[in-house]
């Protein structure tokens, strides 16, 4: 696997993660780790960060 393939796969993975965080934020899905409830604003932040990484990986090919 070359550098371009690895960056494309990484971009796809981070893009999917970003999309899932966006869906969770829009639909208001609850996320819990044990008794700790993860706030929705954290998914908005994760959407931006993961989306930024996906774009960065894609443009770095």
PDB file of N, CA and C in Angstrom:
ATOM      1  N   UNK A   1       0.860  -1.177   0.000  1.00  0.00           N
ATOM      2  CA  UNK A   1       0.000   0.000   0.000  1.00  0.00           C
ATOM      3  C   UNK A   1       0.901   1.233   0.000  1.00  0.00           C
ATOM      4  N   UNK A   2       0.630   2.118  -0.919  1.00  0.00           N
ATOM      5  CA  UNK A   2       1.412   3.338  -1.019  1.00  0.00           C
ATOM      6  C   UNK A   2       0.844   4.456  -0.165  1.00  0.00           C
ATOM      7  N   UNK A   3       1.564   5.563  -0.194  1.00  0.00           N
ATOM      8  CA  UNK A   3       1.165   6.732   0.596  1.00  0.00           C
ATOM      9  C   UNK A   3      -0.204   7.253   0.168  1.00  0.00           C
ATOM     10  N   UNK A   4      -0.439   7.318  -1.142  1.00  0.00           N
ATOM     11  CA  UNK A   4      -1.717   7.842  -1.634  1.00  0.00           C
ATOM     12  C   UNK A   4      -2.890   6.969  -1.206  1.00  0.00           C
ATOM     13  N   UNK A   5      -2.709   5.656  -1.252  1.00  0.00           N
ATOM     14  CA  UNK A   5      -3.784   4.742  -0.840  1.00  0.00           C
ATOM     15  C   UNK A   5      -4.079   4.882   0.649  1.00  0.00           C
ATOM     16  N   UNK A   6      -3.016   4.981   1.451  1.00  0.00           N
ATOM     17  CA  UNK A   6      -3.192   5.112   2.898  1.00  0.00           C
ATOM     18  C   UNK A   6      -3.911   6.414   3.245  1.00  0.00           C
ATOM     19  N   UNK A   7      -3.547   7.497   2.571  1.00  0.00           N
ATOM     20  CA  UNK A   7      -4.210   8.775   2.837  1.00  0.00           C
ATOM     21  C   UNK A   7      -5.671   8.749   2.403  1.00  0.00           C
ATOM     22  N   UNK A   8      -5.962   8.089   1.293  1.00  0.00           N
ATOM     23  CA  UNK A   8      -7.351   7.989   0.838  1.00  0.00           C
ATOM     24  C   UNK A   8      -8.186   7.165   1.817  1.00  0.00           C
ATOM     25  N   UNK A   9      -7.644   6.045   2.281  1.00  0.00           N
ATOM     26  CA  UNK A   9      -8.365   5.214   3.252  1.00  0.00           C
ATOM     27  C   UNK A   9      -8.585   5.993   4.550  1.00  0.00           C
ATOM     28  N   UNK A  10      -7.562   6.713   5.002  1.00  0.00           N
ATOM     29  CA  UNK A  10      -7.701   7.541   6.200  1.00  0.00           C
ATOM     30  C   UNK A  10      -8.752   8.620   6.025  1.00  0.00           C
ATOM     31  N   UNK A  11      -8.779   9.239   4.841  1.00  0.00           N
ATOM     32  CA  UNK A  11      -9.778  10.276   4.563  1.00  0.00           C
ATOM     33  C   UNK A  11     -11.181   9.694   4.595  1.00  0.00           C
ATOM     34  N   UNK A  12     -11.351   8.503   4.043  1.00  0.00           N
ATOM     35  CA  UNK A  12     -12.670   7.858   4.051  1.00  0.00           C
ATOM     36  C   UNK A  12     -13.100   7.527   5.477  1.00  0.00           C
ATOM     37  N   UNK A  13     -12.189   6.974   6.264  1.00  0.00           N
ATOM     38  CA  UNK A  13     -12.516   6.598   7.646  1.00  0.00           C
ATOM     39  C   UNK A  13     -12.892   7.835   8.467  1.00  0.00           C
ATOM     40  N   UNK A  14     -12.069   8.885   8.393  1.00  0.00           N
ATOM     41  CA  UNK A  14     -12.374  10.096   9.151  1.00  0.00           C
ATOM     42  C   UNK A  14     -13.622  10.786   8.624  1.00  0.00           C
ATOM     43  N   UNK A  15     -13.873  10.682   7.324  1.00  0.00           N
ATOM     44  CA  UNK A  15     -15.103  11.230   6.764  1.00  0.00           C
ATOM     45  C   UNK A  15     -16.335  10.534   7.312  1.00  0.00           C
ATOM     46  N   UNK A  16     -16.266   9.208   7.427  1.00  0.00           N
ATOM     47  CA  UNK A  16     -17.392   8.452   7.994  1.00  0.00           C
ATOM     48  C   UNK A  16     -17.597   8.784   9.471  1.00  0.00           C
ATOM     49  N   UNK A  17     -16.506   8.899  10.211  1.00  0.00           N
ATOM     50  CA  UNK A  17     -16.607   9.279  11.625  1.00  0.00           C
ATOM     51  C   UNK A  17     -17.247  10.660  11.754  1.00  0.00           C
ATOM     52  N   UNK A  18     -16.817  11.582  10.910  1.00  0.00           N
ATOM     53  CA  UNK A  18     -17.387  12.931  10.916  1.00  0.00           C
ATOM     54  C   UNK A  18     -18.876  12.897  10.607  1.00  0.00           C
ATOM     55  N   UNK A  19     -19.256  12.116   9.610  1.00  0.00           N
ATOM     56  CA  UNK A  19     -20.664  11.998   9.233  1.00  0.00           C
ATOM     57  C   UNK A  19     -21.502  11.422  10.376  1.00  0.00           C
ATOM     58  N   UNK A  20     -20.991  10.419  11.069  1.00  0.00           N
ATOM     59  CA  UNK A  20     -21.730   9.833  12.196  1.00  0.00           C
ATOM     60  C   UNK A  20     -21.911  10.845  13.329  1.00  0.00           C
ATOM     61  N   UNK A  21     -20.891  11.653  13.589  1.00  0.00           N
ATOM     62  CA  UNK A  21     -21.035  12.684  14.619  1.00  0.00           C
ATOM     63  C   UNK A  21     -22.054  13.737  14.204  1.00  0.00           C
ATOM     64  N   UNK A  22     -22.076  14.089  12.930  1.00  0.00           N
ATOM     65  CA  UNK A  22     -23.067  15.046  12.440  1.00  0.00           C
ATOM     66  C   UNK A  22     -24.477  14.489  12.597  1.00  0.00           C
ATOM     67  N   UNK A  23     -24.670  13.230  12.232  1.00  0.00           N
ATOM     68  CA  UNK A  23     -25.990  12.596  12.369  1.00  0.00           C
ATOM     69  C   UNK A  23     -26.409  12.570  13.833  1.00  0.00           C
ATOM     70  N   UNK A  24     -25.478  12.213  14.727  1.00  0.00           N
ATOM     71  CA  UNK A  24     -25.810  12.181  16.157  1.00  0.00           C
ATOM     72  C   UNK A  24     -26.210  13.567  16.654  1.00  0.00           C
ATOM     73  N   UNK A  25     -25.482  14.588  16.227  1.00  0.00           N
ATOM     74  CA  UNK A  25     -25.778  15.946  16.684  1.00  0.00           C
ATOM     75  C   UNK A  25     -27.129  16.431  16.164  1.00  0.00           C
ATOM     76  N   UNK A  26     -27.440  16.137  14.918  1.00  0.00           N
ATOM     77  CA  UNK A  26     -28.705  16.601  14.335  1.00  0.00           C
ATOM     78  C   UNK A  26     -29.894  15.859  14.936  1.00  0.00           C
ATOM     79  N   UNK A  27     -29.770  14.540  15.074  1.00  0.00           N
ATOM     80  CA  UNK A  27     -30.889  13.737  15.569  1.00  0.00           C
ATOM     81  C   UNK A  27     -30.975  13.696  17.094  1.00  0.00           C
ATOM     82  N   UNK A  28     -29.944  14.179  17.773  1.00  0.00           N
ATOM     83  CA  UNK A  28     -29.970  14.229  19.227  1.00  0.00           C
ATOM     84  C   UNK A  28     -29.832  12.876  19.901  1.00  0.00           C
ATOM     85  N   UNK A  29     -29.151  11.945  19.239  1.00  0.00           N
ATOM     86  CA  UNK A  29     -28.951  10.623  19.839  1.00  0.00           C
ATOM     87  C   UNK A  29     -28.154  10.748  21.126  1.00  0.00           C
ATOM     88  N   UNK A  30     -28.561   9.993  22.128  1.00  0.00           N
ATOM     89  CA  UNK A  30     -27.827   9.974  23.389  1.00  0.00           C
ATOM     90  C   UNK A  30     -26.608   9.076  23.255  1.00  0.00           C
ATOM     91  N   UNK A  31     -25.531   9.466  23.932  1.00  0.00           N
ATOM     92  CA  UNK A  31     -24.331   8.642  23.994  1.00  0.00           C
ATOM     93  C   UNK A  31     -23.885   8.606  25.449  1.00  0.00           C
ATOM     94  N   UNK A  32     -23.729   7.409  25.971  1.00  0.00           N
ATOM     95  CA  UNK A  32     -23.337   7.233  27.365  1.00  0.00           C
ATOM     96  C   UNK A  32     -22.126   6.324  27.455  1.00  0.00           C
ATOM     97  N   UNK A  33     -21.237   6.665  28.384  1.00  0.00           N
ATOM     98  CA  UNK A  33     -20.132   5.786  28.748  1.00  0.00           C
ATOM     99  C   UNK A  33     -20.316   5.519  30.233  1.00  0.00           C
ATOM    100  N   UNK A  34     -20.805   4.337  30.534  1.00  0.00           N
ATOM    101  CA  UNK A  34     -21.173   4.041  31.912  1.00  0.00           C
ATOM    102  C   UNK A  34     -22.318   4.948  32.328  1.00  0.00           C
ATOM    103  N   UNK A  35     -22.125   5.705  33.390  1.00  0.00           N
ATOM    104  CA  UNK A  35     -23.165   6.631  33.840  1.00  0.00           C
ATOM    105  C   UNK A  35     -22.930   8.056  33.324  1.00  0.00           C
ATOM    106  N   UNK A  36     -21.855   8.257  32.563  1.00  0.00           N
ATOM    107  CA  UNK A  36     -21.516   9.578  32.030  1.00  0.00           C
ATOM    108  C   UNK A  36     -22.216   9.798  30.698  1.00  0.00           C
ATOM    109  N   UNK A  37     -23.007  10.879  30.605  1.00  0.00           N
ATOM    110  CA  UNK A  37     -23.680  11.209  29.352  1.00  0.00           C
ATOM    111  C   UNK A  37     -22.818  12.198  28.573  1.00  0.00           C
ATOM    112  N   UNK A  38     -22.534  11.868  27.314  1.00  0.00           N
ATOM    113  CA  UNK A  38     -21.703  12.709  26.457  1.00  0.00           C
ATOM    114  C   UNK A  38     -22.580  13.814  25.864  1.00  0.00           C
ATOM    115  N   UNK A  39     -22.205  15.084  26.042  1.00  0.00           N
ATOM    116  CA  UNK A  39     -23.042  16.180  25.541  1.00  0.00           C
ATOM    117  C   UNK A  39     -23.036  16.262  24.008  1.00  0.00           C
ATOM    118  N   UNK A  40     -24.118  16.810  23.465  1.00  0.00           N
ATOM    119  CA  UNK A  40     -24.268  16.945  22.013  1.00  0.00           C
ATOM    120  C   UNK A  40     -23.211  17.889  21.438  1.00  0.00           C
ATOM    121  N   UNK A  41     -22.853  18.934  22.159  1.00  0.00           N
ATOM    122  CA  UNK A  41     -21.875  19.885  21.628  1.00  0.00           C
ATOM    123  C   UNK A  41     -20.547  19.213  21.330  1.00  0.00           C
ATOM    124  N   UNK A  42     -20.251  18.135  22.044  1.00  0.00           N
ATOM    125  CA  UNK A  42     -19.005  17.414  21.794  1.00  0.00           C
ATOM    126  C   UNK A  42     -19.029  16.736  20.422  1.00  0.00           C
ATOM    127  N   UNK A  43     -20.208  16.311  19.975  1.00  0.00           N
ATOM    128  CA  UNK A  43     -20.324  15.736  18.636  1.00  0.00           C
ATOM    129  C   UNK A  43     -20.154  16.799  17.558  1.00  0.00           C
ATOM    130  N   UNK A  44     -20.636  18.019  17.816  1.00  0.00           N
ATOM    131  CA  UNK A  44     -20.399  19.101  16.852  1.00  0.00           C
ATOM    132  C   UNK A  44     -18.901  19.362  16.716  1.00  0.00           C
ATOM    133  N   UNK A  45     -18.200  19.386  17.836  1.00  0.00           N
ATOM    134  CA  UNK A  45     -16.754  19.593  17.815  1.00  0.00           C
ATOM    135  C   UNK A  45     -16.054  18.439  17.101  1.00  0.00           C
ATOM    136  N   UNK A  46     -16.455  17.209  17.419  1.00  0.00           N
ATOM    137  CA  UNK A  46     -15.854  16.037  16.778  1.00  0.00           C
ATOM    138  C   UNK A  46     -16.136  16.021  15.279  1.00  0.00           C
ATOM    139  N   UNK A  47     -17.325  16.489  14.870  1.00  0.00           N
ATOM    140  CA  UNK A  47     -17.654  16.597  13.447  1.00  0.00           C
ATOM    141  C   UNK A  47     -16.669  17.525  12.744  1.00  0.00           C
ATOM    142  N   UNK A  48     -16.401  18.673  13.342  1.00  0.00           N
ATOM    143  CA  UNK A  48     -15.477  19.631  12.734  1.00  0.00           C
ATOM    144  C   UNK A  48     -14.047  19.102  12.687  1.00  0.00           C
ATOM    145  N   UNK A  49     -13.598  18.507  13.781  1.00  0.00           N
ATOM    146  CA  UNK A  49     -12.223  18.005  13.845  1.00  0.00           C
ATOM    147  C   UNK A  49     -12.027  16.834  12.880  1.00  0.00           C
ATOM    148  N   UNK A  50     -12.905  15.836  12.944  1.00  0.00           N
ATOM    149  CA  UNK A  50     -12.774  14.672  12.064  1.00  0.00           C
ATOM    150  C   UNK A  50     -12.950  15.068  10.598  1.00  0.00           C
ATOM    151  N   UNK A  51     -13.870  15.985  10.330  1.00  0.00           N
ATOM    152  CA  UNK A  51     -14.051  16.469   8.964  1.00  0.00           C
ATOM    153  C   UNK A  51     -12.821  17.205   8.457  1.00  0.00           C
ATOM    154  N   UNK A  52     -12.223  17.999   9.315  1.00  0.00           N
ATOM    155  CA  UNK A  52     -10.993  18.701   8.946  1.00  0.00           C
ATOM    156  C   UNK A  52      -9.856  17.747   8.646  1.00  0.00           C
ATOM    157  N   UNK A  53      -9.723  16.711   9.459  1.00  0.00           N
ATOM    158  CA  UNK A  53      -8.680  15.708   9.219  1.00  0.00           C
ATOM    159  C   UNK A  53      -8.944  14.966   7.913  1.00  0.00           C
ATOM    160  N   UNK A  54     -10.202  14.632   7.645  1.00  0.00           N
ATOM    161  CA  UNK A  54     -10.550  13.943   6.399  1.00  0.00           C
ATOM    162  C   UNK A  54     -10.178  14.798   5.188  1.00  0.00           C
ATOM    163  N   UNK A  55     -10.500  16.074   5.240  1.00  0.00           N
ATOM    164  CA  UNK A  55     -10.165  16.975   4.127  1.00  0.00           C
ATOM    165  C   UNK A  55      -8.652  17.110   3.982  1.00  0.00           C
ATOM    166  N   UNK A  56      -7.971  17.237   5.100  1.00  0.00           N
ATOM    167  CA  UNK A  56      -6.513  17.357   5.089  1.00  0.00           C
ATOM    168  C   UNK A  56      -5.872  16.115   4.461  1.00  0.00           C
ATOM    169  N   UNK A  57      -6.312  14.920   4.884  1.00  0.00           N
ATOM    170  CA  UNK A  57      -5.782  13.682   4.313  1.00  0.00           C
ATOM    171  C   UNK A  57      -6.060  13.611   2.816  1.00  0.00           C
ATOM    172  N   UNK A  58      -7.270  13.976   2.421  1.00  0.00           N
ATOM    173  CA  UNK A  58      -7.646  13.892   1.007  1.00  0.00           C
ATOM    174  C   UNK A  58      -6.803  14.842   0.152  1.00  0.00           C
ATOM    175  N   UNK A  59      -6.583  16.053   0.643  1.00  0.00           N
ATOM    176  CA  UNK A  59      -5.798  17.026  -0.120  1.00  0.00           C
ATOM    177  C   UNK A  59      -4.304  16.709  -0.114  1.00  0.00           C
ATOM    178  N   UNK A  60      -3.850  15.905   0.849  1.00  0.00           N
ATOM    179  CA  UNK A  60      -2.432  15.554   0.947  1.00  0.00           C
ATOM    180  C   UNK A  60      -2.028  14.441  -0.010  1.00  0.00           C
ATOM    181  N   UNK A  61      -2.997  13.842  -0.672  1.00  0.00           N
ATOM    182  CA  UNK A  61      -2.670  12.732  -1.573  1.00  0.00           C
ATOM    183  C   UNK A  61      -1.845  13.216  -2.679  1.00  0.00           C
TER     184      UNK A  61
END
